[in-house]
Amino acid sequence: MIVILLGPPGSGKGTQARVVCQELGNVPQLATGDMLREAKRAGTLERHYLDVMDAGGLLPDEAVVGLIERRIAEPDCSRGFLLDGFPRSTGQAQALDEMLSKRSLNIDAVVLLDVPRTLLEERVIHRRIDKAGGQIYHLLYNPPPPNVELEHRADDRSEAVKKRLDSYEAITAALLPFYEQRGLLRQIDGVGTPEDVTRRIMVAITDPEYLVQGGKYTGQA
C-alpha cells in the first residue's frame, strides 16, 4: 500500500506517520526533509543541488522525486511506503504520478489531517523545548517540571506560526482538489486522542466503505 499523509504544522502528522507505518506492517516512512539531509550527509546529492540547499533555497521537483525514486527501489519499500508531507504542489503530484507509473505503482490513499486553525496555533505557539535534554513540553497540555530551562523556537512564535499556516494553506489549495477529483483524498478529523485519530486513518485507508460525515471520517457509527 502506498499512502500520502498530509497535514499542517501542529496537526500531529509526524506522530501519526510513525504509528500508521507500524499499523501497515512496518512499511518505511519517507519524509523528504529527512531524506535530503541524509543524502547530503552521504554525499549522494549532486553538487548544484547542495549549493541550492546551502543557500536556503528549495530544490526543483525533479530532484526530490528522483530522491524518492531511488529510495523506493530499495527492498524495504517492496511492501509499500508512506510519504510524509510530500507532494506539496500539483506539479510535485504530477511528477510523482509519472514516476510511480513507470514502476507500475499507484497511490492507494491521500490522508489529510484536518484540525481547526485556532487549535493548530494553540498547539504550536505554546510548545517549548528543554534546552538541556531536548524534551518537548506544552505549556497547556504537558507543562514542564520546575527549574527547567526552556527554549521557544523562533518558528514556534506567533507571527512565524501564522506565516507557516498561511503558506501551507496556499500550497495545498490546488493540491487537495487534484486528489479529491481522483477519489483518493481522505479528509480525517484530527481532533481527539492520538489513538482515536490513528483509528480513523486506518479505517479510511483500508476500508473502501469508510464512513463519511460532512466530508470527514469521524469514526462514529
N, C-alpha and C. Protein backbone atom coordinates (compact mmCIF):
# COMPACT_ATOMS: atom_id res chain seq x y z
N MET A 1 0.84 -1.20 0.00
CA MET A 1 0.00 0.00 0.00
C MET A 1 0.87 1.24 0.00
N ILE A 2 0.49 2.20 -0.81
CA ILE A 2 1.20 3.48 -0.89
C ILE A 2 0.26 4.57 -0.40
N VAL A 3 0.67 5.25 0.65
CA VAL A 3 -0.18 6.26 1.30
C VAL A 3 0.58 7.57 1.37
N ILE A 4 -0.12 8.67 1.11
CA ILE A 4 0.42 10.01 1.32
C ILE A 4 -0.29 10.60 2.54
N LEU A 5 0.49 11.11 3.48
CA LEU A 5 -0.09 11.74 4.68
C LEU A 5 0.24 13.22 4.67
N LEU A 6 -0.80 14.04 4.69
CA LEU A 6 -0.65 15.49 4.66
C LEU A 6 -1.25 16.09 5.93
N GLY A 7 -0.71 17.22 6.32
CA GLY A 7 -1.26 17.92 7.47
C GLY A 7 -0.46 19.17 7.76
N PRO A 8 -1.10 20.22 8.24
CA PRO A 8 -0.41 21.47 8.54
C PRO A 8 0.44 21.35 9.80
N PRO A 9 1.31 22.32 10.05
CA PRO A 9 2.08 22.33 11.30
C PRO A 9 1.14 22.26 12.50
N GLY A 10 1.46 21.36 13.43
CA GLY A 10 0.64 21.23 14.63
C GLY A 10 -0.48 20.22 14.51
N SER A 11 -0.60 19.56 13.35
CA SER A 11 -1.70 18.61 13.15
C SER A 11 -1.42 17.25 13.74
N GLY A 12 -0.16 16.99 14.14
CA GLY A 12 0.20 15.68 14.65
C GLY A 12 0.62 14.72 13.56
N LYS A 13 0.92 15.25 12.38
CA LYS A 13 1.26 14.41 11.23
C LYS A 13 2.46 13.52 11.49
N GLY A 14 3.52 14.07 12.08
CA GLY A 14 4.72 13.28 12.32
C GLY A 14 4.46 12.10 13.23
N THR A 15 3.71 12.34 14.30
CA THR A 15 3.36 11.27 15.23
C THR A 15 2.52 10.20 14.55
N GLN A 16 1.51 10.63 13.81
CA GLN A 16 0.63 9.68 13.13
C GLN A 16 1.37 8.90 12.05
N ALA A 17 2.29 9.55 11.35
CA ALA A 17 3.03 8.85 10.30
C ALA A 17 3.77 7.65 10.87
N ARG A 18 4.43 7.83 12.00
CA ARG A 18 5.18 6.73 12.60
C ARG A 18 4.26 5.58 13.00
N VAL A 19 3.11 5.91 13.59
CA VAL A 19 2.19 4.87 14.06
C VAL A 19 1.54 4.16 12.88
N VAL A 20 1.11 4.92 11.88
CA VAL A 20 0.45 4.32 10.72
C VAL A 20 1.39 3.38 9.98
N CYS A 21 2.66 3.75 9.89
CA CYS A 21 3.64 2.86 9.25
C CYS A 21 3.71 1.53 9.98
N GLN A 22 3.65 1.56 11.30
CA GLN A 22 3.65 0.32 12.08
C GLN A 22 2.38 -0.48 11.82
N GLU A 23 1.25 0.22 11.79
CA GLU A 23 -0.04 -0.45 11.57
C GLU A 23 -0.10 -1.11 10.19
N LEU A 24 0.61 -0.56 9.23
CA LEU A 24 0.62 -1.11 7.88
C LEU A 24 1.67 -2.19 7.70
N GLY A 25 2.27 -2.63 8.79
CA GLY A 25 3.24 -3.71 8.71
C GLY A 25 4.67 -3.23 8.68
N ASN A 26 4.92 -2.12 9.37
CA ASN A 26 6.27 -1.55 9.44
C ASN A 26 6.82 -1.16 8.06
N VAL A 27 5.96 -0.54 7.26
CA VAL A 27 6.44 -0.02 5.98
C VAL A 27 7.26 1.25 6.26
N PRO A 28 8.16 1.62 5.36
CA PRO A 28 9.01 2.79 5.59
C PRO A 28 8.22 4.10 5.56
N GLN A 29 8.65 5.02 6.41
CA GLN A 29 8.14 6.39 6.41
C GLN A 29 9.13 7.24 5.63
N LEU A 30 8.69 7.80 4.51
CA LEU A 30 9.57 8.58 3.66
C LEU A 30 9.25 10.05 3.85
N ALA A 31 10.07 10.71 4.65
CA ALA A 31 9.95 12.15 4.87
C ALA A 31 11.04 12.83 4.06
N THR A 32 10.64 13.65 3.10
CA THR A 32 11.62 14.18 2.15
C THR A 32 12.68 15.04 2.83
N GLY A 33 12.31 15.76 3.88
CA GLY A 33 13.31 16.56 4.59
C GLY A 33 14.41 15.69 5.16
N ASP A 34 14.01 14.59 5.81
CA ASP A 34 15.00 13.65 6.36
C ASP A 34 15.83 13.02 5.25
N MET A 35 15.17 12.69 4.14
CA MET A 35 15.88 12.06 3.02
C MET A 35 16.91 12.99 2.42
N LEU A 36 16.57 14.27 2.32
CA LEU A 36 17.52 15.24 1.77
C LEU A 36 18.71 15.42 2.69
N ARG A 37 18.44 15.49 3.99
CA ARG A 37 19.55 15.64 4.94
C ARG A 37 20.47 14.42 4.91
N GLU A 38 19.88 13.23 4.79
CA GLU A 38 20.67 12.01 4.74
C GLU A 38 21.50 11.95 3.46
N ALA A 39 20.88 12.35 2.32
CA ALA A 39 21.61 12.37 1.05
C ALA A 39 22.77 13.35 1.10
N LYS A 40 22.56 14.45 1.79
CA LYS A 40 23.63 15.44 1.93
C LYS A 40 24.78 14.86 2.76
N ARG A 41 24.44 14.20 3.87
CA ARG A 41 25.47 13.59 4.72
C ARG A 41 26.22 12.49 3.98
N ALA A 42 25.48 11.71 3.17
CA ALA A 42 26.08 10.57 2.47
C ALA A 42 26.84 10.99 1.21
N GLY A 43 26.68 12.25 0.81
CA GLY A 43 27.36 12.72 -0.39
C GLY A 43 26.77 12.21 -1.68
N THR A 44 25.47 11.84 -1.65
CA THR A 44 24.83 11.30 -2.85
C THR A 44 23.98 12.34 -3.59
N LEU A 45 23.98 13.56 -3.10
CA LEU A 45 23.23 14.63 -3.75
C LEU A 45 24.16 15.42 -4.65
N GLU A 46 23.70 15.72 -5.85
CA GLU A 46 24.54 16.43 -6.82
C GLU A 46 24.96 17.79 -6.29
N ARG A 47 26.16 18.22 -6.70
CA ARG A 47 26.78 19.42 -6.15
C ARG A 47 25.90 20.65 -6.31
N HIS A 48 25.27 20.81 -7.48
CA HIS A 48 24.48 22.03 -7.67
C HIS A 48 23.23 22.03 -6.80
N TYR A 49 22.73 20.83 -6.44
CA TYR A 49 21.60 20.77 -5.51
C TYR A 49 22.06 21.10 -4.09
N LEU A 50 23.25 20.67 -3.74
CA LEU A 50 23.81 21.03 -2.44
C LEU A 50 23.94 22.53 -2.29
N ASP A 51 24.37 23.19 -3.37
CA ASP A 51 24.52 24.65 -3.34
C ASP A 51 23.18 25.33 -3.08
N VAL A 52 22.12 24.78 -3.71
CA VAL A 52 20.79 25.34 -3.51
C VAL A 52 20.36 25.18 -2.05
N MET A 53 20.59 23.98 -1.48
CA MET A 53 20.22 23.73 -0.09
C MET A 53 21.00 24.63 0.85
N ASP A 54 22.31 24.76 0.61
CA ASP A 54 23.14 25.58 1.49
C ASP A 54 22.73 27.04 1.46
N ALA A 55 22.15 27.46 0.33
CA ALA A 55 21.70 28.85 0.21
C ALA A 55 20.30 29.05 0.77
N GLY A 56 19.71 27.96 1.28
CA GLY A 56 18.37 28.06 1.86
C GLY A 56 17.26 28.00 0.84
N GLY A 57 17.57 27.61 -0.40
CA GLY A 57 16.56 27.54 -1.45
C GLY A 57 15.84 26.20 -1.48
N LEU A 58 14.81 26.12 -2.31
CA LEU A 58 14.04 24.90 -2.48
C LEU A 58 14.55 24.15 -3.70
N LEU A 59 14.71 22.85 -3.57
CA LEU A 59 15.16 22.05 -4.70
C LEU A 59 14.04 21.90 -5.72
N PRO A 60 14.40 21.80 -7.00
CA PRO A 60 13.38 21.59 -8.02
C PRO A 60 12.67 20.26 -7.83
N ASP A 61 11.45 20.17 -8.34
CA ASP A 61 10.64 18.97 -8.13
C ASP A 61 11.36 17.71 -8.60
N GLU A 62 12.06 17.79 -9.75
CA GLU A 62 12.68 16.58 -10.29
C GLU A 62 13.76 16.03 -9.36
N ALA A 63 14.41 16.91 -8.60
CA ALA A 63 15.44 16.46 -7.68
C ALA A 63 14.83 15.66 -6.53
N VAL A 64 13.73 16.17 -5.98
CA VAL A 64 13.09 15.49 -4.85
C VAL A 64 12.44 14.19 -5.31
N VAL A 65 11.77 14.21 -6.46
CA VAL A 65 11.14 13.00 -6.97
C VAL A 65 12.20 11.95 -7.31
N GLY A 66 13.33 12.40 -7.84
CA GLY A 66 14.42 11.47 -8.12
C GLY A 66 14.94 10.81 -6.86
N LEU A 67 14.99 11.57 -5.79
CA LEU A 67 15.42 11.04 -4.50
C LEU A 67 14.43 9.97 -4.02
N ILE A 68 13.14 10.25 -4.17
CA ILE A 68 12.12 9.28 -3.78
C ILE A 68 12.22 8.03 -4.65
N GLU A 69 12.44 8.22 -5.94
CA GLU A 69 12.52 7.07 -6.85
C GLU A 69 13.66 6.13 -6.46
N ARG A 70 14.80 6.71 -6.10
CA ARG A 70 15.93 5.86 -5.67
C ARG A 70 15.61 5.16 -4.36
N ARG A 71 14.88 5.85 -3.48
CA ARG A 71 14.58 5.26 -2.17
C ARG A 71 13.60 4.11 -2.29
N ILE A 72 12.57 4.24 -3.12
CA ILE A 72 11.56 3.18 -3.19
C ILE A 72 12.05 1.97 -3.96
N ALA A 73 13.20 2.09 -4.61
CA ALA A 73 13.80 0.93 -5.27
C ALA A 73 14.47 0.00 -4.27
N GLU A 74 14.63 0.45 -3.02
CA GLU A 74 15.27 -0.38 -2.00
C GLU A 74 14.28 -1.45 -1.51
N PRO A 75 14.82 -2.60 -1.09
CA PRO A 75 13.97 -3.76 -0.77
C PRO A 75 12.88 -3.49 0.27
N ASP A 76 13.15 -2.63 1.26
CA ASP A 76 12.17 -2.45 2.33
C ASP A 76 10.91 -1.72 1.86
N CYS A 77 10.94 -1.15 0.65
CA CYS A 77 9.75 -0.47 0.12
C CYS A 77 8.89 -1.39 -0.74
N SER A 78 9.30 -2.64 -0.86
CA SER A 78 8.59 -3.56 -1.76
C SER A 78 7.16 -3.83 -1.30
N ARG A 79 6.89 -3.70 0.01
CA ARG A 79 5.54 -3.94 0.54
C ARG A 79 4.73 -2.66 0.67
N GLY A 80 5.31 -1.54 0.23
CA GLY A 80 4.62 -0.27 0.32
C GLY A 80 5.41 0.73 1.14
N PHE A 81 4.88 1.94 1.23
CA PHE A 81 5.55 3.00 1.99
C PHE A 81 4.58 4.14 2.21
N LEU A 82 4.95 5.02 3.13
CA LEU A 82 4.15 6.20 3.42
C LEU A 82 4.98 7.44 3.13
N LEU A 83 4.43 8.32 2.32
CA LEU A 83 5.08 9.60 2.02
C LEU A 83 4.58 10.63 3.02
N ASP A 84 5.51 11.17 3.79
CA ASP A 84 5.19 12.08 4.88
C ASP A 84 5.37 13.52 4.41
N GLY A 85 4.24 14.19 4.08
CA GLY A 85 4.30 15.60 3.72
C GLY A 85 4.70 15.89 2.29
N PHE A 86 4.72 14.91 1.44
CA PHE A 86 5.04 15.10 0.02
C PHE A 86 4.00 14.34 -0.79
N PRO A 87 3.50 14.95 -1.88
CA PRO A 87 3.89 16.22 -2.50
C PRO A 87 3.24 17.43 -1.83
N ARG A 88 3.76 18.62 -2.20
CA ARG A 88 3.24 19.86 -1.65
C ARG A 88 2.64 20.77 -2.71
N SER A 89 2.60 20.33 -3.94
CA SER A 89 2.03 21.14 -5.02
C SER A 89 1.54 20.20 -6.11
N THR A 90 0.70 20.72 -7.00
CA THR A 90 0.21 19.87 -8.09
C THR A 90 1.35 19.47 -9.02
N GLY A 91 2.34 20.35 -9.18
CA GLY A 91 3.49 19.99 -10.01
C GLY A 91 4.23 18.79 -9.44
N GLN A 92 4.44 18.78 -8.14
CA GLN A 92 5.08 17.64 -7.49
C GLN A 92 4.20 16.40 -7.58
N ALA A 93 2.89 16.59 -7.43
CA ALA A 93 1.98 15.45 -7.50
C ALA A 93 2.01 14.82 -8.89
N GLN A 94 2.04 15.64 -9.93
CA GLN A 94 2.09 15.11 -11.28
C GLN A 94 3.41 14.40 -11.55
N ALA A 95 4.51 14.98 -11.07
CA ALA A 95 5.81 14.35 -11.25
C ALA A 95 5.87 13.02 -10.50
N LEU A 96 5.28 12.98 -9.31
CA LEU A 96 5.24 11.74 -8.54
C LEU A 96 4.43 10.68 -9.27
N ASP A 97 3.29 11.07 -9.82
CA ASP A 97 2.46 10.13 -10.58
C ASP A 97 3.22 9.52 -11.74
N GLU A 98 3.93 10.36 -12.47
CA GLU A 98 4.68 9.87 -13.62
C GLU A 98 5.76 8.89 -13.20
N MET A 99 6.44 9.20 -12.10
CA MET A 99 7.49 8.32 -11.62
C MET A 99 6.92 6.97 -11.16
N LEU A 100 5.81 7.01 -10.42
CA LEU A 100 5.19 5.77 -9.95
C LEU A 100 4.65 4.95 -11.11
N SER A 101 4.08 5.63 -12.10
CA SER A 101 3.52 4.94 -13.26
C SER A 101 4.59 4.14 -14.01
N LYS A 102 5.79 4.68 -14.09
CA LYS A 102 6.89 3.98 -14.76
C LYS A 102 7.22 2.67 -14.05
N ARG A 103 6.92 2.60 -12.76
CA ARG A 103 7.19 1.40 -11.97
C ARG A 103 5.92 0.58 -11.75
N SER A 104 4.85 0.93 -12.48
CA SER A 104 3.56 0.25 -12.37
C SER A 104 3.02 0.28 -10.94
N LEU A 105 3.20 1.44 -10.27
CA LEU A 105 2.71 1.64 -8.92
C LEU A 105 1.63 2.72 -8.91
N ASN A 106 0.73 2.62 -7.94
CA ASN A 106 -0.35 3.59 -7.80
C ASN A 106 -0.51 3.99 -6.35
N ILE A 107 -0.94 5.23 -6.13
CA ILE A 107 -1.25 5.71 -4.79
C ILE A 107 -2.58 5.12 -4.36
N ASP A 108 -2.64 4.59 -3.13
CA ASP A 108 -3.88 4.00 -2.62
C ASP A 108 -4.75 5.01 -1.90
N ALA A 109 -4.14 5.94 -1.18
CA ALA A 109 -4.93 6.93 -0.43
C ALA A 109 -4.07 8.13 -0.09
N VAL A 110 -4.73 9.29 -0.07
CA VAL A 110 -4.10 10.53 0.37
C VAL A 110 -4.89 11.01 1.59
N VAL A 111 -4.23 11.00 2.74
CA VAL A 111 -4.90 11.31 4.00
C VAL A 111 -4.54 12.72 4.44
N LEU A 112 -5.55 13.52 4.69
CA LEU A 112 -5.36 14.88 5.19
C LEU A 112 -5.88 14.97 6.62
N LEU A 113 -5.01 15.36 7.53
CA LEU A 113 -5.43 15.60 8.91
C LEU A 113 -6.01 17.01 9.00
N ASP A 114 -7.27 17.08 9.35
CA ASP A 114 -7.97 18.36 9.39
C ASP A 114 -8.13 18.81 10.84
N VAL A 115 -7.51 19.93 11.18
CA VAL A 115 -7.57 20.48 12.53
C VAL A 115 -7.89 21.97 12.41
N PRO A 116 -8.82 22.50 13.21
CA PRO A 116 -9.14 23.94 13.13
C PRO A 116 -7.89 24.79 13.34
N ARG A 117 -7.82 25.89 12.61
CA ARG A 117 -6.62 26.72 12.66
C ARG A 117 -6.35 27.27 14.06
N THR A 118 -7.39 27.62 14.78
CA THR A 118 -7.17 28.16 16.13
C THR A 118 -6.49 27.12 17.02
N LEU A 119 -6.86 25.85 16.85
CA LEU A 119 -6.24 24.80 17.65
C LEU A 119 -4.80 24.55 17.20
N LEU A 120 -4.55 24.62 15.89
CA LEU A 120 -3.19 24.47 15.39
C LEU A 120 -2.27 25.52 16.00
N GLU A 121 -2.74 26.77 16.01
CA GLU A 121 -1.93 27.84 16.58
C GLU A 121 -1.68 27.60 18.07
N GLU A 122 -2.71 27.16 18.77
CA GLU A 122 -2.56 26.89 20.20
C GLU A 122 -1.55 25.78 20.45
N ARG A 123 -1.60 24.73 19.64
CA ARG A 123 -0.70 23.60 19.81
C ARG A 123 0.76 24.00 19.61
N VAL A 124 1.00 24.84 18.60
CA VAL A 124 2.38 25.15 18.24
C VAL A 124 2.95 26.31 19.06
N ILE A 125 2.17 27.36 19.22
CA ILE A 125 2.68 28.56 19.88
C ILE A 125 3.07 28.29 21.33
N HIS A 126 2.37 27.37 22.00
CA HIS A 126 2.66 27.08 23.41
C HIS A 126 3.67 25.94 23.58
N ARG A 127 4.28 25.52 22.50
CA ARG A 127 5.27 24.45 22.58
C ARG A 127 6.61 25.01 23.05
N ARG A 128 7.28 24.27 23.94
CA ARG A 128 8.59 24.67 24.45
C ARG A 128 9.51 23.45 24.47
N ILE A 129 10.83 23.71 24.40
CA ILE A 129 11.81 22.64 24.37
C ILE A 129 12.79 22.81 25.53
N ASP A 130 13.06 21.71 26.22
CA ASP A 130 14.06 21.70 27.28
C ASP A 130 15.44 21.88 26.65
N LYS A 131 16.11 22.96 26.99
CA LYS A 131 17.40 23.27 26.38
C LYS A 131 18.43 22.18 26.62
N ALA A 132 18.37 21.57 27.80
CA ALA A 132 19.40 20.58 28.16
C ALA A 132 19.14 19.23 27.51
N GLY A 133 17.92 18.73 27.60
CA GLY A 133 17.64 17.36 27.14
C GLY A 133 16.90 17.25 25.84
N GLY A 134 16.33 18.36 25.35
CA GLY A 134 15.58 18.31 24.10
C GLY A 134 14.15 17.84 24.23
N GLN A 135 13.69 17.57 25.46
CA GLN A 135 12.32 17.14 25.69
C GLN A 135 11.35 18.26 25.28
N ILE A 136 10.27 17.86 24.62
CA ILE A 136 9.28 18.83 24.17
C ILE A 136 8.13 18.89 25.19
N TYR A 137 7.78 20.09 25.60
CA TYR A 137 6.67 20.31 26.52
C TYR A 137 5.65 21.23 25.87
N HIS A 138 4.47 21.27 26.47
CA HIS A 138 3.44 22.19 26.05
C HIS A 138 2.92 22.90 27.29
N LEU A 139 2.90 24.22 27.25
CA LEU A 139 2.54 24.99 28.44
C LEU A 139 1.13 24.70 28.93
N LEU A 140 0.23 24.27 28.04
CA LEU A 140 -1.15 24.00 28.43
C LEU A 140 -1.41 22.52 28.66
N TYR A 141 -0.91 21.66 27.76
CA TYR A 141 -1.25 20.24 27.80
C TYR A 141 -0.23 19.38 28.54
N ASN A 142 1.03 19.79 28.51
CA ASN A 142 2.09 18.98 29.11
C ASN A 142 3.15 19.91 29.70
N PRO A 143 2.80 20.63 30.76
CA PRO A 143 3.72 21.65 31.30
C PRO A 143 5.00 21.03 31.84
N PRO A 144 6.09 21.76 31.75
CA PRO A 144 7.39 21.25 32.22
C PRO A 144 7.47 21.25 33.74
N PRO A 145 8.37 20.44 34.29
CA PRO A 145 8.60 20.49 35.74
C PRO A 145 9.31 21.78 36.11
N PRO A 146 9.37 22.11 37.39
CA PRO A 146 10.04 23.35 37.82
C PRO A 146 11.53 23.33 37.47
N ASN A 147 12.06 24.52 37.30
CA ASN A 147 13.51 24.72 37.12
C ASN A 147 14.07 24.18 35.80
N VAL A 148 13.20 23.92 34.83
CA VAL A 148 13.68 23.50 33.51
C VAL A 148 13.89 24.76 32.66
N GLU A 149 15.05 24.85 32.04
CA GLU A 149 15.32 25.99 31.17
C GLU A 149 14.74 25.69 29.79
N LEU A 150 13.78 26.51 29.40
CA LEU A 150 13.04 26.24 28.17
C LEU A 150 13.45 27.15 27.04
N GLU A 151 13.30 26.62 25.84
CA GLU A 151 13.54 27.40 24.62
C GLU A 151 12.24 27.50 23.84
N HIS A 152 11.93 28.71 23.37
CA HIS A 152 10.78 28.92 22.50
C HIS A 152 11.33 29.15 21.09
N ARG A 153 11.26 28.11 20.26
CA ARG A 153 11.86 28.19 18.94
C ARG A 153 11.27 29.34 18.13
N ALA A 154 12.09 29.95 17.30
CA ALA A 154 11.64 31.10 16.51
C ALA A 154 10.47 30.74 15.62
N ASP A 155 10.48 29.52 15.03
CA ASP A 155 9.39 29.16 14.12
C ASP A 155 8.14 28.68 14.87
N ASP A 156 8.19 28.67 16.22
CA ASP A 156 7.00 28.37 17.01
C ASP A 156 6.37 29.63 17.59
N ARG A 157 6.94 30.78 17.29
CA ARG A 157 6.38 32.04 17.79
C ARG A 157 5.19 32.46 16.94
N SER A 158 4.33 33.28 17.51
CA SER A 158 3.02 33.57 16.94
C SER A 158 3.08 34.00 15.47
N GLU A 159 3.87 35.02 15.15
CA GLU A 159 3.88 35.52 13.77
C GLU A 159 4.43 34.48 12.80
N ALA A 160 5.46 33.75 13.24
CA ALA A 160 6.04 32.72 12.38
C ALA A 160 5.03 31.60 12.14
N VAL A 161 4.29 31.21 13.16
CA VAL A 161 3.30 30.16 13.01
C VAL A 161 2.21 30.57 12.04
N LYS A 162 1.74 31.81 12.17
CA LYS A 162 0.71 32.30 11.26
C LYS A 162 1.20 32.27 9.81
N LYS A 163 2.46 32.65 9.59
CA LYS A 163 3.01 32.62 8.24
C LYS A 163 3.14 31.20 7.72
N ARG A 164 3.57 30.28 8.59
CA ARG A 164 3.69 28.88 8.19
C ARG A 164 2.34 28.31 7.79
N LEU A 165 1.31 28.63 8.55
CA LEU A 165 -0.03 28.13 8.23
C LEU A 165 -0.57 28.76 6.96
N ASP A 166 -0.32 30.06 6.79
CA ASP A 166 -0.73 30.72 5.54
C ASP A 166 -0.07 30.06 4.34
N SER A 167 1.22 29.78 4.48
CA SER A 167 1.97 29.15 3.39
C SER A 167 1.42 27.77 3.08
N TYR A 168 1.14 27.00 4.12
CA TYR A 168 0.60 25.65 3.92
C TYR A 168 -0.74 25.71 3.19
N GLU A 169 -1.61 26.61 3.62
CA GLU A 169 -2.92 26.72 3.00
C GLU A 169 -2.82 27.11 1.54
N ALA A 170 -1.90 28.02 1.23
CA ALA A 170 -1.72 28.45 -0.16
C ALA A 170 -1.19 27.30 -1.02
N ILE A 171 -0.25 26.55 -0.47
CA ILE A 171 0.37 25.45 -1.23
C ILE A 171 -0.64 24.34 -1.52
N THR A 172 -1.45 24.00 -0.53
CA THR A 172 -2.36 22.86 -0.69
C THR A 172 -3.69 23.23 -1.34
N ALA A 173 -3.91 24.51 -1.61
CA ALA A 173 -5.20 24.95 -2.17
C ALA A 173 -5.53 24.22 -3.46
N ALA A 174 -4.55 23.99 -4.31
CA ALA A 174 -4.78 23.29 -5.57
C ALA A 174 -4.50 21.80 -5.45
N LEU A 175 -3.64 21.42 -4.51
CA LEU A 175 -3.25 20.01 -4.37
C LEU A 175 -4.41 19.14 -3.91
N LEU A 176 -5.18 19.63 -2.95
CA LEU A 176 -6.26 18.81 -2.41
C LEU A 176 -7.34 18.51 -3.46
N PRO A 177 -7.80 19.50 -4.24
CA PRO A 177 -8.75 19.16 -5.31
C PRO A 177 -8.19 18.18 -6.33
N PHE A 178 -6.88 18.25 -6.57
CA PHE A 178 -6.22 17.33 -7.51
C PHE A 178 -6.46 15.89 -7.10
N TYR A 179 -6.30 15.60 -5.81
CA TYR A 179 -6.50 14.23 -5.33
C TYR A 179 -7.98 13.91 -5.08
N GLU A 180 -8.74 14.93 -4.70
CA GLU A 180 -10.16 14.71 -4.46
C GLU A 180 -10.87 14.28 -5.74
N GLN A 181 -10.52 14.92 -6.86
CA GLN A 181 -11.13 14.58 -8.14
C GLN A 181 -10.81 13.16 -8.58
N ARG A 182 -9.74 12.62 -8.08
CA ARG A 182 -9.35 11.26 -8.44
C ARG A 182 -9.85 10.23 -7.42
N GLY A 183 -10.61 10.69 -6.44
CA GLY A 183 -11.18 9.78 -5.46
C GLY A 183 -10.20 9.23 -4.46
N LEU A 184 -9.07 9.91 -4.27
CA LEU A 184 -8.03 9.42 -3.36
C LEU A 184 -8.01 10.12 -2.02
N LEU A 185 -8.61 11.30 -1.92
CA LEU A 185 -8.48 12.11 -0.72
C LEU A 185 -9.36 11.58 0.41
N ARG A 186 -8.75 11.41 1.58
CA ARG A 186 -9.46 11.03 2.79
C ARG A 186 -9.22 12.13 3.82
N GLN A 187 -10.25 12.92 4.07
CA GLN A 187 -10.12 14.04 5.00
C GLN A 187 -10.52 13.57 6.39
N ILE A 188 -9.55 13.56 7.31
CA ILE A 188 -9.74 12.96 8.63
C ILE A 188 -9.84 14.03 9.70
N ASP A 189 -10.78 13.85 10.61
CA ASP A 189 -10.88 14.73 11.78
C ASP A 189 -9.66 14.47 12.65
N GLY A 190 -8.77 15.47 12.76
CA GLY A 190 -7.53 15.31 13.50
C GLY A 190 -7.61 15.73 14.95
N VAL A 191 -8.83 15.96 15.45
CA VAL A 191 -9.01 16.37 16.84
C VAL A 191 -9.40 15.15 17.67
N GLY A 192 -8.72 14.94 18.78
CA GLY A 192 -9.02 13.80 19.64
C GLY A 192 -7.72 13.20 20.14
N THR A 193 -7.83 12.06 20.80
CA THR A 193 -6.62 11.40 21.27
C THR A 193 -5.84 10.87 20.07
N PRO A 194 -4.52 10.70 20.22
CA PRO A 194 -3.74 10.12 19.11
C PRO A 194 -4.29 8.78 18.67
N GLU A 195 -4.78 7.98 19.63
CA GLU A 195 -5.32 6.66 19.29
C GLU A 195 -6.59 6.78 18.45
N ASP A 196 -7.44 7.74 18.79
CA ASP A 196 -8.67 7.95 18.01
C ASP A 196 -8.34 8.37 16.58
N VAL A 197 -7.38 9.27 16.45
CA VAL A 197 -7.01 9.75 15.11
C VAL A 197 -6.41 8.61 14.30
N THR A 198 -5.56 7.80 14.91
CA THR A 198 -4.98 6.65 14.20
C THR A 198 -6.08 5.71 13.71
N ARG A 199 -7.06 5.44 14.56
CA ARG A 199 -8.15 4.53 14.17
C ARG A 199 -8.91 5.09 12.97
N ARG A 200 -9.17 6.39 12.98
CA ARG A 200 -9.88 7.00 11.85
C ARG A 200 -9.07 6.86 10.56
N ILE A 201 -7.77 7.10 10.67
CA ILE A 201 -6.90 7.00 9.49
C ILE A 201 -6.92 5.58 8.94
N MET A 202 -6.76 4.59 9.82
CA MET A 202 -6.66 3.21 9.36
C MET A 202 -7.95 2.74 8.70
N VAL A 203 -9.09 3.12 9.26
CA VAL A 203 -10.36 2.75 8.64
C VAL A 203 -10.47 3.41 7.27
N ALA A 204 -10.11 4.67 7.19
CA ALA A 204 -10.26 5.42 5.95
C ALA A 204 -9.40 4.87 4.82
N ILE A 205 -8.21 4.33 5.15
CA ILE A 205 -7.33 3.87 4.07
C ILE A 205 -7.44 2.37 3.81
N THR A 206 -8.08 1.63 4.71
CA THR A 206 -8.17 0.18 4.50
C THR A 206 -9.58 -0.29 4.18
N ASP A 207 -10.58 0.50 4.50
CA ASP A 207 -11.98 0.10 4.27
C ASP A 207 -12.56 0.95 3.15
N PRO A 208 -12.83 0.35 1.99
CA PRO A 208 -13.37 1.14 0.87
C PRO A 208 -14.74 1.72 1.15
N GLU A 209 -15.42 1.21 2.16
CA GLU A 209 -16.75 1.71 2.52
C GLU A 209 -16.69 2.60 3.75
N TYR A 210 -15.54 3.28 3.96
CA TYR A 210 -15.39 4.08 5.18
C TYR A 210 -16.50 5.13 5.29
N LEU A 211 -16.88 5.38 6.53
CA LEU A 211 -17.99 6.29 6.82
C LEU A 211 -17.57 7.73 6.67
N VAL A 212 -18.33 8.51 5.95
CA VAL A 212 -18.07 9.92 5.77
C VAL A 212 -19.22 10.72 6.35
N GLN A 213 -18.90 11.64 7.22
CA GLN A 213 -19.89 12.55 7.78
C GLN A 213 -19.39 13.98 7.55
N GLY A 214 -20.10 14.70 6.72
CA GLY A 214 -19.70 16.07 6.43
C GLY A 214 -18.35 16.14 5.74
N GLY A 215 -17.97 15.09 5.00
CA GLY A 215 -16.71 15.11 4.28
C GLY A 215 -15.52 14.67 5.10
N LYS A 216 -15.71 14.33 6.38
CA LYS A 216 -14.60 13.94 7.24
C LYS A 216 -14.96 12.65 7.97
N TYR A 217 -14.03 11.72 7.99
CA TYR A 217 -14.28 10.49 8.73
C TYR A 217 -14.12 10.77 10.22
N THR A 218 -15.14 10.40 10.99
CA THR A 218 -15.14 10.70 12.42
C THR A 218 -14.99 9.45 13.28
N GLY A 219 -15.17 8.27 12.66
CA GLY A 219 -15.09 7.05 13.43
C GLY A 219 -16.35 6.76 14.22
N GLN A 220 -17.42 7.47 13.95
CA GLN A 220 -18.68 7.26 14.67
C GLN A 220 -19.60 6.37 13.84
N ALA A 221 -20.35 5.56 14.51
CA ALA A 221 -21.29 4.68 13.82
C ALA A 221 -22.47 5.47 13.32
